[in-house]
Amino acid sequence: MKWHHVQENWPAFYEAIIDRWPEAEEAELDEIDGDQRAFIAYITKVTEQEPEEARAEIREWLTGELPSDVIMDPRHDNHSIALSHKYVPDGEDEYDDDTRFGDDS
């Protein structure tokens, strides 16, 4: 994942951050609000590492999976639906109701 994923969905990453760095506190993460430099400084402080070590640890963490809260965000769903138009026959709306395919709502 890229930092912009983290920044755009900052609160969704709290659990993943606290899992990786148990010393991190949610109130402090609120203050950071997705600022990468502030996050690096904070991780440096709570882990008592050198800044370069903290950066390397964060880079390694960024190679992980996106939290499900980010993946399940309706903005991502709507974007995927909009991209699906190439698989929808001409004249059919990709946002159309799919009751004939078992959609119960």
PDB file of N, CA and C in Angstrom:
ATOM      1  N   MET A   1       0.846  -1.174   0.000  1.00  0.00           N
ATOM      2  CA  MET A   1       0.000   0.000   0.000  1.00  0.00           C
ATOM      3  C   MET A   1       0.887   1.230   0.000  1.00  0.00           C
ATOM      4  N   LYS A   2       0.326   2.332  -0.378  1.00  0.00           N
ATOM      5  CA  LYS A   2       1.038   3.601  -0.440  1.00  0.00           C
ATOM      6  C   LYS A   2       0.572   4.494   0.713  1.00  0.00           C
ATOM      7  N   TRP A   3       1.399   5.497   1.038  1.00  0.00           N
ATOM      8  CA  TRP A   3       1.058   6.359   2.160  1.00  0.00           C
ATOM      9  C   TRP A   3      -0.269   7.077   1.929  1.00  0.00           C
ATOM     10  N   HIS A   4      -0.606   7.420   0.690  1.00  0.00           N
ATOM     11  CA  HIS A   4      -1.863   8.132   0.462  1.00  0.00           C
ATOM     12  C   HIS A   4      -3.059   7.285   0.899  1.00  0.00           C
ATOM     13  N   HIS A   5      -2.956   5.935   0.826  1.00  0.00           N
ATOM     14  CA  HIS A   5      -4.025   5.078   1.344  1.00  0.00           C
ATOM     15  C   HIS A   5      -4.174   5.292   2.843  1.00  0.00           C
ATOM     16  N   VAL A   6      -3.042   5.370   3.519  1.00  0.00           N
ATOM     17  CA  VAL A   6      -3.046   5.566   4.963  1.00  0.00           C
ATOM     18  C   VAL A   6      -3.608   6.945   5.298  1.00  0.00           C
ATOM     19  N   GLN A   7      -3.109   7.954   4.621  1.00  0.00           N
ATOM     20  CA  GLN A   7      -3.518   9.328   4.906  1.00  0.00           C
ATOM     21  C   GLN A   7      -5.014   9.543   4.657  1.00  0.00           C
ATOM     22  N   GLU A   8      -5.534   9.029   3.564  1.00  0.00           N
ATOM     23  CA  GLU A   8      -6.944   9.214   3.208  1.00  0.00           C
ATOM     24  C   GLU A   8      -7.888   8.478   4.154  1.00  0.00           C
ATOM     25  N   ASN A   9      -7.403   7.410   4.770  1.00  0.00           N
ATOM     26  CA  ASN A   9      -8.247   6.567   5.614  1.00  0.00           C
ATOM     27  C   ASN A   9      -7.644   6.410   7.018  1.00  0.00           C
ATOM     28  N   TRP A  10      -7.040   7.465   7.519  1.00  0.00           N
ATOM     29  CA  TRP A  10      -6.248   7.421   8.747  1.00  0.00           C
ATOM     30  C   TRP A  10      -6.921   6.654   9.888  1.00  0.00           C
ATOM     31  N   PRO A  11      -8.147   6.983  10.302  1.00  0.00           N
ATOM     32  CA  PRO A  11      -8.739   6.264  11.441  1.00  0.00           C
ATOM     33  C   PRO A  11      -8.888   4.755  11.210  1.00  0.00           C
ATOM     34  N   ALA A  12      -9.053   4.339   9.981  1.00  0.00           N
ATOM     35  CA  ALA A  12      -9.194   2.912   9.685  1.00  0.00           C
ATOM     36  C   ALA A  12      -7.899   2.154   9.947  1.00  0.00           C
ATOM     37  N   PHE A  13      -6.790   2.849  10.054  1.00  0.00           N
ATOM     38  CA  PHE A  13      -5.492   2.215  10.277  1.00  0.00           C
ATOM     39  C   PHE A  13      -5.103   2.141  11.749  1.00  0.00           C
ATOM     40  N   TYR A  14      -5.885   2.758  12.641  1.00  0.00           N
ATOM     41  CA  TYR A  14      -5.537   2.765  14.067  1.00  0.00           C
ATOM     42  C   TYR A  14      -5.269   1.364  14.602  1.00  0.00           C
ATOM     43  N   GLU A  15      -6.176   0.433  14.334  1.00  0.00           N
ATOM     44  CA  GLU A  15      -6.018  -0.922  14.864  1.00  0.00           C
ATOM     45  C   GLU A  15      -4.741  -1.571  14.334  1.00  0.00           C
ATOM     46  N   ALA A  16      -4.467  -1.411  13.035  1.00  0.00           N
ATOM     47  CA  ALA A  16      -3.257  -1.991  12.441  1.00  0.00           C
ATOM     48  C   ALA A  16      -2.005  -1.346  13.018  1.00  0.00           C
ATOM     49  N   ILE A  17      -2.067  -0.041  13.273  1.00  0.00           N
ATOM     50  CA  ILE A  17      -0.913   0.657  13.858  1.00  0.00           C
ATOM     51  C   ILE A  17      -0.672   0.164  15.277  1.00  0.00           C
ATOM     52  N   ILE A  18      -1.729   0.071  16.062  1.00  0.00           N
ATOM     53  CA  ILE A  18      -1.574  -0.361  17.453  1.00  0.00           C
ATOM     54  C   ILE A  18      -1.172  -1.833  17.532  1.00  0.00           C
ATOM     55  N   ASP A  19      -1.607  -2.651  16.577  1.00  0.00           N
ATOM     56  CA  ASP A  19      -1.145  -4.039  16.523  1.00  0.00           C
ATOM     57  C   ASP A  19       0.356  -4.091  16.276  1.00  0.00           C
ATOM     58  N   ARG A  20       0.829  -3.242  15.379  1.00  0.00           N
ATOM     59  CA  ARG A  20       2.255  -3.238  15.010  1.00  0.00           C
ATOM     60  C   ARG A  20       3.107  -2.554  16.063  1.00  0.00           C
ATOM     61  N   TRP A  21       2.585  -1.455  16.623  1.00  0.00           N
ATOM     62  CA  TRP A  21       3.299  -0.681  17.643  1.00  0.00           C
ATOM     63  C   TRP A  21       2.386  -0.544  18.866  1.00  0.00           C
ATOM     64  N   PRO A  22       2.404  -1.525  19.770  1.00  0.00           N
ATOM     65  CA  PRO A  22       1.502  -1.510  20.926  1.00  0.00           C
ATOM     66  C   PRO A  22       1.681  -0.285  21.826  1.00  0.00           C
ATOM     67  N   GLU A  23       2.823   0.373  21.716  1.00  0.00           N
ATOM     68  CA  GLU A  23       3.073   1.569  22.523  1.00  0.00           C
ATOM     69  C   GLU A  23       2.263   2.765  22.033  1.00  0.00           C
ATOM     70  N   ALA A  24       1.751   2.696  20.814  1.00  0.00           N
ATOM     71  CA  ALA A  24       1.003   3.805  20.223  1.00  0.00           C
ATOM     72  C   ALA A  24      -0.330   3.981  20.944  1.00  0.00           C
ATOM     73  N   GLU A  25      -0.753   5.229  21.038  1.00  0.00           N
ATOM     74  CA  GLU A  25      -2.015   5.550  21.699  1.00  0.00           C
ATOM     75  C   GLU A  25      -2.947   6.230  20.711  1.00  0.00           C
ATOM     76  N   GLU A  26      -4.212   5.870  20.779  1.00  0.00           N
ATOM     77  CA  GLU A  26      -5.206   6.390  19.847  1.00  0.00           C
ATOM     78  C   GLU A  26      -5.303   7.918  19.902  1.00  0.00           C
ATOM     79  N   ALA A  27      -5.220   8.486  21.079  1.00  0.00           N
ATOM     80  CA  ALA A  27      -5.298   9.951  21.213  1.00  0.00           C
ATOM     81  C   ALA A  27      -4.151  10.625  20.459  1.00  0.00           C
ATOM     82  N   GLU A  28      -2.982  10.036  20.528  1.00  0.00           N
ATOM     83  CA  GLU A  28      -1.825  10.582  19.805  1.00  0.00           C
ATOM     84  C   GLU A  28      -2.021  10.422  18.293  1.00  0.00           C
ATOM     85  N   LEU A  29      -2.585   9.297  17.889  1.00  0.00           N
ATOM     86  CA  LEU A  29      -2.836   9.075  16.464  1.00  0.00           C
ATOM     87  C   LEU A  29      -3.845  10.085  15.933  1.00  0.00           C
ATOM     88  N   ASP A  30      -4.825  10.460  16.770  1.00  0.00           N
ATOM     89  CA  ASP A  30      -5.776  11.508  16.379  1.00  0.00           C
ATOM     90  C   ASP A  30      -5.043  12.799  16.057  1.00  0.00           C
ATOM     91  N   GLU A  31      -4.054  13.128  16.871  1.00  0.00           N
ATOM     92  CA  GLU A  31      -3.284  14.362  16.672  1.00  0.00           C
ATOM     93  C   GLU A  31      -2.467  14.312  15.378  1.00  0.00           C
ATOM     94  N   ILE A  32      -1.940  13.160  15.057  1.00  0.00           N
ATOM     95  CA  ILE A  32      -1.102  12.997  13.859  1.00  0.00           C
ATOM     96  C   ILE A  32      -1.925  13.181  12.596  1.00  0.00           C
ATOM     97  N   ASP A  33      -3.150  12.674  12.594  1.00  0.00           N
ATOM     98  CA  ASP A  33      -4.111  12.865  11.505  1.00  0.00           C
ATOM     99  C   ASP A  33      -3.552  12.555  10.109  1.00  0.00           C
ATOM    100  N   GLY A  34      -2.767  11.481  10.013  1.00  0.00           N
ATOM    101  CA  GLY A  34      -2.278  11.038   8.712  1.00  0.00           C
ATOM    102  C   GLY A  34      -1.029  11.722   8.198  1.00  0.00           C
ATOM    103  N   ASP A  35      -0.454  12.635   8.976  1.00  0.00           N
ATOM    104  CA  ASP A  35       0.768  13.339   8.562  1.00  0.00           C
ATOM    105  C   ASP A  35       1.951  12.372   8.670  1.00  0.00           C
ATOM    106  N   GLN A  36       2.569  12.062   7.545  1.00  0.00           N
ATOM    107  CA  GLN A  36       3.629  11.058   7.511  1.00  0.00           C
ATOM    108  C   GLN A  36       4.829  11.458   8.366  1.00  0.00           C
ATOM    109  N   ARG A  37       5.256  12.690   8.271  1.00  0.00           N
ATOM    110  CA  ARG A  37       6.412  13.133   9.075  1.00  0.00           C
ATOM    111  C   ARG A  37       6.118  13.057  10.565  1.00  0.00           C
ATOM    112  N   ALA A  38       4.914  13.465  10.941  1.00  0.00           N
ATOM    113  CA  ALA A  38       4.532  13.407  12.355  1.00  0.00           C
ATOM    114  C   ALA A  38       4.467  11.951  12.820  1.00  0.00           C
ATOM    115  N   PHE A  39       3.995  11.066  11.955  1.00  0.00           N
ATOM    116  CA  PHE A  39       3.911   9.652  12.313  1.00  0.00           C
ATOM    117  C   PHE A  39       5.303   9.061  12.502  1.00  0.00           C
ATOM    118  N   ILE A  40       6.220   9.379  11.606  1.00  0.00           N
ATOM    119  CA  ILE A  40       7.601   8.891  11.734  1.00  0.00           C
ATOM    120  C   ILE A  40       8.197   9.393  13.044  1.00  0.00           C
ATOM    121  N   ALA A  41       8.006  10.669  13.341  1.00  0.00           N
ATOM    122  CA  ALA A  41       8.532  11.238  14.586  1.00  0.00           C
ATOM    123  C   ALA A  41       7.914  10.551  15.800  1.00  0.00           C
ATOM    124  N   TYR A  42       6.620  10.280  15.728  1.00  0.00           N
ATOM    125  CA  TYR A  42       5.934   9.633  16.844  1.00  0.00           C
ATOM    126  C   TYR A  42       6.450   8.208  17.054  1.00  0.00           C
ATOM    127  N   ILE A  43       6.583   7.442  15.980  1.00  0.00           N
ATOM    128  CA  ILE A  43       7.089   6.070  16.092  1.00  0.00           C
ATOM    129  C   ILE A  43       8.527   6.080  16.595  1.00  0.00           C
ATOM    130  N   THR A  44       9.318   7.051  16.158  1.00  0.00           N
ATOM    131  CA  THR A  44      10.679   7.200  16.650  1.00  0.00           C
ATOM    132  C   THR A  44      10.668   7.386  18.163  1.00  0.00           C
ATOM    133  N   LYS A  45       9.744   8.223  18.628  1.00  0.00           N
ATOM    134  CA  LYS A  45       9.655   8.525  20.061  1.00  0.00           C
ATOM    135  C   LYS A  45       9.182   7.318  20.875  1.00  0.00           C
ATOM    136  N   VAL A  46       8.086   6.693  20.450  1.00  0.00           N
ATOM    137  CA  VAL A  46       7.529   5.604  21.274  1.00  0.00           C
ATOM    138  C   VAL A  46       8.360   4.330  21.241  1.00  0.00           C
ATOM    139  N   THR A  47       9.105   4.109  20.172  1.00  0.00           N
ATOM    140  CA  THR A  47       9.924   2.899  20.087  1.00  0.00           C
ATOM    141  C   THR A  47      11.369   3.154  20.509  1.00  0.00           C
ATOM    142  N   GLU A  48      11.684   4.439  20.729  1.00  0.00           N
ATOM    143  CA  GLU A  48      13.046   4.839  21.111  1.00  0.00           C
ATOM    144  C   GLU A  48      14.075   4.358  20.083  1.00  0.00           C
ATOM    145  N   GLN A  49      13.706   4.484  18.820  1.00  0.00           N
ATOM    146  CA  GLN A  49      14.594   4.114  17.716  1.00  0.00           C
ATOM    147  C   GLN A  49      15.161   5.378  17.079  1.00  0.00           C
ATOM    148  N   GLU A  50      16.134   5.162  16.236  1.00  0.00           N
ATOM    149  CA  GLU A  50      16.628   6.243  15.398  1.00  0.00           C
ATOM    150  C   GLU A  50      15.595   6.481  14.295  1.00  0.00           C
ATOM    151  N   PRO A  51      15.491   7.722  13.787  1.00  0.00           N
ATOM    152  CA  PRO A  51      14.500   8.006  12.734  1.00  0.00           C
ATOM    153  C   PRO A  51      14.604   7.079  11.523  1.00  0.00           C
ATOM    154  N   GLU A  52      15.806   6.734  11.118  1.00  0.00           N
ATOM    155  CA  GLU A  52      15.967   5.870   9.944  1.00  0.00           C
ATOM    156  C   GLU A  52      15.435   4.464  10.223  1.00  0.00           C
ATOM    157  N   GLU A  53      15.629   3.980  11.446  1.00  0.00           N
ATOM    158  CA  GLU A  53      15.085   2.668  11.816  1.00  0.00           C
ATOM    159  C   GLU A  53      13.563   2.701  11.805  1.00  0.00           C
ATOM    160  N   ALA A  54      12.988   3.772  12.332  1.00  0.00           N
ATOM    161  CA  ALA A  54      11.531   3.914  12.342  1.00  0.00           C
ATOM    162  C   ALA A  54      10.987   3.988  10.922  1.00  0.00           C
ATOM    163  N   ARG A  55      11.666   4.740  10.050  1.00  0.00           N
ATOM    164  CA  ARG A  55      11.240   4.817   8.641  1.00  0.00           C
ATOM    165  C   ARG A  55      11.243   3.436   7.993  1.00  0.00           C
ATOM    166  N   ALA A  56      12.303   2.675   8.246  1.00  0.00           N
ATOM    167  CA  ALA A  56      12.413   1.330   7.663  1.00  0.00           C
ATOM    168  C   ALA A  56      11.292   0.432   8.183  1.00  0.00           C
ATOM    169  N   GLU A  57      10.982   0.546   9.473  1.00  0.00           N
ATOM    170  CA  GLU A  57       9.908  -0.255  10.058  1.00  0.00           C
ATOM    171  C   GLU A  57       8.554   0.126   9.455  1.00  0.00           C
ATOM    172  N   ILE A  58       8.339   1.409   9.233  1.00  0.00           N
ATOM    173  CA  ILE A  58       7.087   1.883   8.627  1.00  0.00           C
ATOM    174  C   ILE A  58       6.998   1.426   7.183  1.00  0.00           C
ATOM    175  N   ARG A  59       8.113   1.503   6.445  1.00  0.00           N
ATOM    176  CA  ARG A  59       8.127   1.003   5.056  1.00  0.00           C
ATOM    177  C   ARG A  59       7.755  -0.476   5.011  1.00  0.00           C
ATOM    178  N   GLU A  60       8.290  -1.243   5.939  1.00  0.00           N
ATOM    179  CA  GLU A  60       7.967  -2.679   6.012  1.00  0.00           C
ATOM    180  C   GLU A  60       6.479  -2.868   6.321  1.00  0.00           C
ATOM    181  N   TRP A  61       5.958  -2.073   7.251  1.00  0.00           N
ATOM    182  CA  TRP A  61       4.534  -2.147   7.605  1.00  0.00           C
ATOM    183  C   TRP A  61       3.655  -1.814   6.403  1.00  0.00           C
ATOM    184  N   LEU A  62       4.094  -0.871   5.575  1.00  0.00           N
ATOM    185  CA  LEU A  62       3.317  -0.474   4.400  1.00  0.00           C
ATOM    186  C   LEU A  62       3.215  -1.580   3.349  1.00  0.00           C
ATOM    187  N   THR A  63       4.059  -2.591   3.441  1.00  0.00           N
ATOM    188  CA  THR A  63       3.976  -3.705   2.491  1.00  0.00           C
ATOM    189  C   THR A  63       2.843  -4.656   2.854  1.00  0.00           C
ATOM    190  N   GLY A  64       2.204  -4.439   4.007  1.00  0.00           N
ATOM    191  CA  GLY A  64       1.110  -5.293   4.453  1.00  0.00           C
ATOM    192  C   GLY A  64      -0.183  -5.019   3.703  1.00  0.00           C
ATOM    193  N   GLU A  65      -1.221  -5.660   4.164  1.00  0.00           N
ATOM    194  CA  GLU A  65      -2.540  -5.561   3.544  1.00  0.00           C
ATOM    195  C   GLU A  65      -3.284  -4.324   4.034  1.00  0.00           C
ATOM    196  N   LEU A  66      -4.171  -3.832   3.183  1.00  0.00           N
ATOM    197  CA  LEU A  66      -5.065  -2.753   3.596  1.00  0.00           C
ATOM    198  C   LEU A  66      -6.069  -3.311   4.601  1.00  0.00           C
ATOM    199  N   PRO A  67      -6.372  -2.554   5.658  1.00  0.00           N
ATOM    200  CA  PRO A  67      -7.408  -3.010   6.596  1.00  0.00           C
ATOM    201  C   PRO A  67      -8.755  -3.146   5.896  1.00  0.00           C
ATOM    202  N   SER A  68      -9.574  -4.061   6.382  1.00  0.00           N
ATOM    203  CA  SER A  68     -10.868  -4.302   5.745  1.00  0.00           C
ATOM    204  C   SER A  68     -11.755  -3.059   5.770  1.00  0.00           C
ATOM    205  N   ASP A  69     -11.596  -2.186   6.775  1.00  0.00           N
ATOM    206  CA  ASP A  69     -12.380  -0.954   6.821  1.00  0.00           C
ATOM    207  C   ASP A  69     -12.103  -0.071   5.607  1.00  0.00           C
ATOM    208  N   VAL A  70     -10.897  -0.137   5.100  1.00  0.00           N
ATOM    209  CA  VAL A  70     -10.543   0.657   3.923  1.00  0.00           C
ATOM    210  C   VAL A  70     -11.098  -0.005   2.672  1.00  0.00           C
ATOM    211  N   ILE A  71     -10.946  -1.314   2.579  1.00  0.00           N
ATOM    212  CA  ILE A  71     -11.412  -2.044   1.403  1.00  0.00           C
ATOM    213  C   ILE A  71     -12.933  -1.968   1.284  1.00  0.00           C
ATOM    214  N   MET A  72     -13.624  -1.985   2.413  1.00  0.00           N
ATOM    215  CA  MET A  72     -15.081  -1.991   2.413  1.00  0.00           C
ATOM    216  C   MET A  72     -15.690  -0.593   2.300  1.00  0.00           C
ATOM    217  N   ASP A  73     -14.886   0.427   2.176  1.00  0.00           N
ATOM    218  CA  ASP A  73     -15.364   1.799   2.071  1.00  0.00           C
ATOM    219  C   ASP A  73     -16.222   1.947   0.813  1.00  0.00           C
ATOM    220  N   PRO A  74     -17.424   2.529   0.926  1.00  0.00           N
ATOM    221  CA  PRO A  74     -18.310   2.680  -0.246  1.00  0.00           C
ATOM    222  C   PRO A  74     -17.668   3.434  -1.407  1.00  0.00           C
ATOM    223  N   ARG A  75     -16.750   4.363  -1.123  1.00  0.00           N
ATOM    224  CA  ARG A  75     -16.081   5.078  -2.214  1.00  0.00           C
ATOM    225  C   ARG A  75     -15.339   4.099  -3.113  1.00  0.00           C
ATOM    226  N   HIS A  76     -14.693   3.093  -2.516  1.00  0.00           N
ATOM    227  CA  HIS A  76     -13.972   2.097  -3.304  1.00  0.00           C
ATOM    228  C   HIS A  76     -14.947   1.214  -4.076  1.00  0.00           C
ATOM    229  N   ASP A  77     -16.062   0.869  -3.429  1.00  0.00           N
ATOM    230  CA  ASP A  77     -17.063   0.046  -4.096  1.00  0.00           C
ATOM    231  C   ASP A  77     -17.623   0.759  -5.318  1.00  0.00           C
ATOM    232  N   ASN A  78     -18.000   2.019  -5.164  1.00  0.00           N
ATOM    233  CA  ASN A  78     -18.564   2.776  -6.281  1.00  0.00           C
ATOM    234  C   ASN A  78     -17.553   2.938  -7.406  1.00  0.00           C
ATOM    235  N   HIS A  79     -16.290   3.114  -7.048  1.00  0.00           N
ATOM    236  CA  HIS A  79     -15.245   3.223  -8.064  1.00  0.00           C
ATOM    237  C   HIS A  79     -15.147   1.911  -8.851  1.00  0.00           C
ATOM    238  N   SER A  80     -15.188   0.788  -8.135  1.00  0.00           N
ATOM    239  CA  SER A  80     -15.130  -0.516  -8.797  1.00  0.00           C
ATOM    240  C   SER A  80     -16.342  -0.736  -9.694  1.00  0.00           C
ATOM    241  N   ILE A  81     -17.501  -0.318  -9.205  1.00  0.00           N
ATOM    242  CA  ILE A  81     -18.716  -0.456 -10.017  1.00  0.00           C
ATOM    243  C   ILE A  81     -18.587   0.369 -11.292  1.00  0.00           C
ATOM    244  N   ALA A  82     -18.091   1.587 -11.153  1.00  0.00           N
ATOM    245  CA  ALA A  82     -17.942   2.455 -12.326  1.00  0.00           C
ATOM    246  C   ALA A  82     -16.979   1.838 -13.335  1.00  0.00           C
ATOM    247  N   LEU A  83     -15.934   1.186 -12.846  1.00  0.00           N
ATOM    248  CA  LEU A  83     -14.971   0.551 -13.757  1.00  0.00           C
ATOM    249  C   LEU A  83     -15.535  -0.700 -14.418  1.00  0.00           C
ATOM    250  N   SER A  84     -16.602  -1.262 -13.860  1.00  0.00           N
ATOM    251  CA  SER A  84     -17.163  -2.498 -14.398  1.00  0.00           C
ATOM    252  C   SER A  84     -17.954  -2.274 -15.682  1.00  0.00           C
ATOM    253  N   HIS A  85     -18.086  -1.030 -16.109  1.00  0.00           N
ATOM    254  CA  HIS A  85     -18.900  -0.753 -17.303  1.00  0.00           C
ATOM    255  C   HIS A  85     -18.433  -1.525 -18.529  1.00  0.00           C
ATOM    256  N   LYS A  86     -17.161  -1.863 -18.600  1.00  0.00           N
ATOM    257  CA  LYS A  86     -16.676  -2.588 -19.778  1.00  0.00           C
ATOM    258  C   LYS A  86     -17.202  -4.025 -19.832  1.00  0.00           C
ATOM    259  N   TYR A  87     -17.743  -4.521 -18.719  1.00  0.00           N
ATOM    260  CA  TYR A  87     -18.296  -5.871 -18.686  1.00  0.00           C
ATOM    261  C   TYR A  87     -19.823  -5.883 -18.783  1.00  0.00           C
ATOM    262  N   VAL A  88     -20.423  -4.707 -18.844  1.00  0.00           N
ATOM    263  CA  VAL A  88     -21.881  -4.586 -18.888  1.00  0.00           C
ATOM    264  C   VAL A  88     -22.292  -4.334 -20.334  1.00  0.00           C
ATOM    265  N   PRO A  89     -23.296  -5.056 -20.814  1.00  0.00           N
ATOM    266  CA  PRO A  89     -23.724  -4.873 -22.209  1.00  0.00           C
ATOM    267  C   PRO A  89     -24.210  -3.445 -22.471  1.00  0.00           C
ATOM    268  N   ASP A  90     -24.096  -3.016 -23.726  1.00  0.00           N
ATOM    269  CA  ASP A  90     -24.582  -1.691 -24.110  1.00  0.00           C
ATOM    270  C   ASP A  90     -26.052  -1.540 -23.742  1.00  0.00           C
ATOM    271  N   GLY A  91     -26.390  -0.376 -23.226  1.00  0.00           N
ATOM    272  CA  GLY A  91     -27.770  -0.085 -22.875  1.00  0.00           C
ATOM    273  C   GLY A  91     -28.142  -0.475 -21.459  1.00  0.00           C
ATOM    274  N   GLU A  92     -27.279  -1.191 -20.762  1.00  0.00           N
ATOM    275  CA  GLU A  92     -27.561  -1.572 -19.377  1.00  0.00           C
ATOM    276  C   GLU A  92     -26.746  -0.676 -18.444  1.00  0.00           C
ATOM    277  N   ASP A  93     -27.350  -0.254 -17.367  1.00  0.00           N
ATOM    278  CA  ASP A  93     -26.703   0.622 -16.394  1.00  0.00           C
ATOM    279  C   ASP A  93     -25.960  -0.215 -15.363  1.00  0.00           C
ATOM    280  N   GLU A  94     -24.666   0.049 -15.173  1.00  0.00           N
ATOM    281  CA  GLU A  94     -23.884  -0.728 -14.214  1.00  0.00           C
ATOM    282  C   GLU A  94     -24.359  -0.537 -12.769  1.00  0.00           C
ATOM    283  N   TYR A  95     -25.111   0.547 -12.513  1.00  0.00           N
ATOM    284  CA  TYR A  95     -25.654   0.785 -11.180  1.00  0.00           C
ATOM    285  C   TYR A  95     -27.076   0.229 -11.033  1.00  0.00           C
ATOM    286  N   ASP A  96     -27.571  -0.429 -12.057  1.00  0.00           N
ATOM    287  CA  ASP A  96     -28.940  -0.929 -12.080  1.00  0.00           C
ATOM    288  C   ASP A  96     -29.142  -2.036 -11.046  1.00  0.00           C
ATOM    289  N   ASP A  97     -30.380  -2.215 -10.633  1.00  0.00           N
ATOM    290  CA  ASP A  97     -30.780  -3.243  -9.685  1.00  0.00           C
ATOM    291  C   ASP A  97     -30.543  -4.635 -10.297  1.00  0.00           C
ATOM    292  N   ASP A  98     -29.991  -5.542  -9.521  1.00  0.00           N
ATOM    293  CA  ASP A  98     -29.692  -6.886 -10.000  1.00  0.00           C
ATOM    294  C   ASP A  98     -30.581  -7.941  -9.360  1.00  0.00           C
ATOM    295  N   THR A  99     -31.866  -7.654  -9.171  1.00  0.00           N
ATOM    296  CA  THR A  99     -32.755  -8.604  -8.506  1.00  0.00           C
ATOM    297  C   THR A  99     -32.830  -9.922  -9.242  1.00  0.00           C
ATOM    298  N   ARG A 100     -32.725  -9.878 -10.542  1.00  0.00           N
ATOM    299  CA  ARG A 100     -32.814 -11.138 -11.286  1.00  0.00           C
ATOM    300  C   ARG A 100     -31.612 -12.045 -11.018  1.00  0.00           C
ATOM    301  N   PHE A 101     -30.558 -11.492 -10.401  1.00  0.00           N
ATOM    302  CA  PHE A 101     -29.372 -12.287 -10.055  1.00  0.00           C
ATOM    303  C   PHE A 101     -29.328 -12.640  -8.583  1.00  0.00           C
ATOM    304  N   GLY A 102     -30.447 -12.432  -7.881  1.00  0.00           N
ATOM    305  CA  GLY A 102     -30.512 -12.836  -6.475  1.00  0.00           C
ATOM    306  C   GLY A 102     -30.245 -11.724  -5.486  1.00  0.00           C
ATOM    307  N   ASP A 103     -30.208 -10.471  -5.920  1.00  0.00           N
ATOM    308  CA  ASP A 103     -30.036  -9.352  -4.996  1.00  0.00           C
ATOM    309  C   ASP A 103     -31.343  -9.175  -4.229  1.00  0.00           C
ATOM    310  N   ASP A 104     -31.316  -9.378  -2.915  1.00  0.00           N
ATOM    311  CA  ASP A 104     -32.539  -9.372  -2.105  1.00  0.00           C
ATOM    312  C   ASP A 104     -33.009  -7.994  -1.715  1.00  0.00           C
ATOM    313  N   SER A 105     -32.220  -6.964  -1.898  1.00  0.00           N
ATOM    314  CA  SER A 105     -32.645  -5.641  -1.429  1.00  0.00           C
ATOM    315  C   SER A 105     -33.354  -4.856  -2.488  1.00  0.00           C
TER     316      SER A 105
END
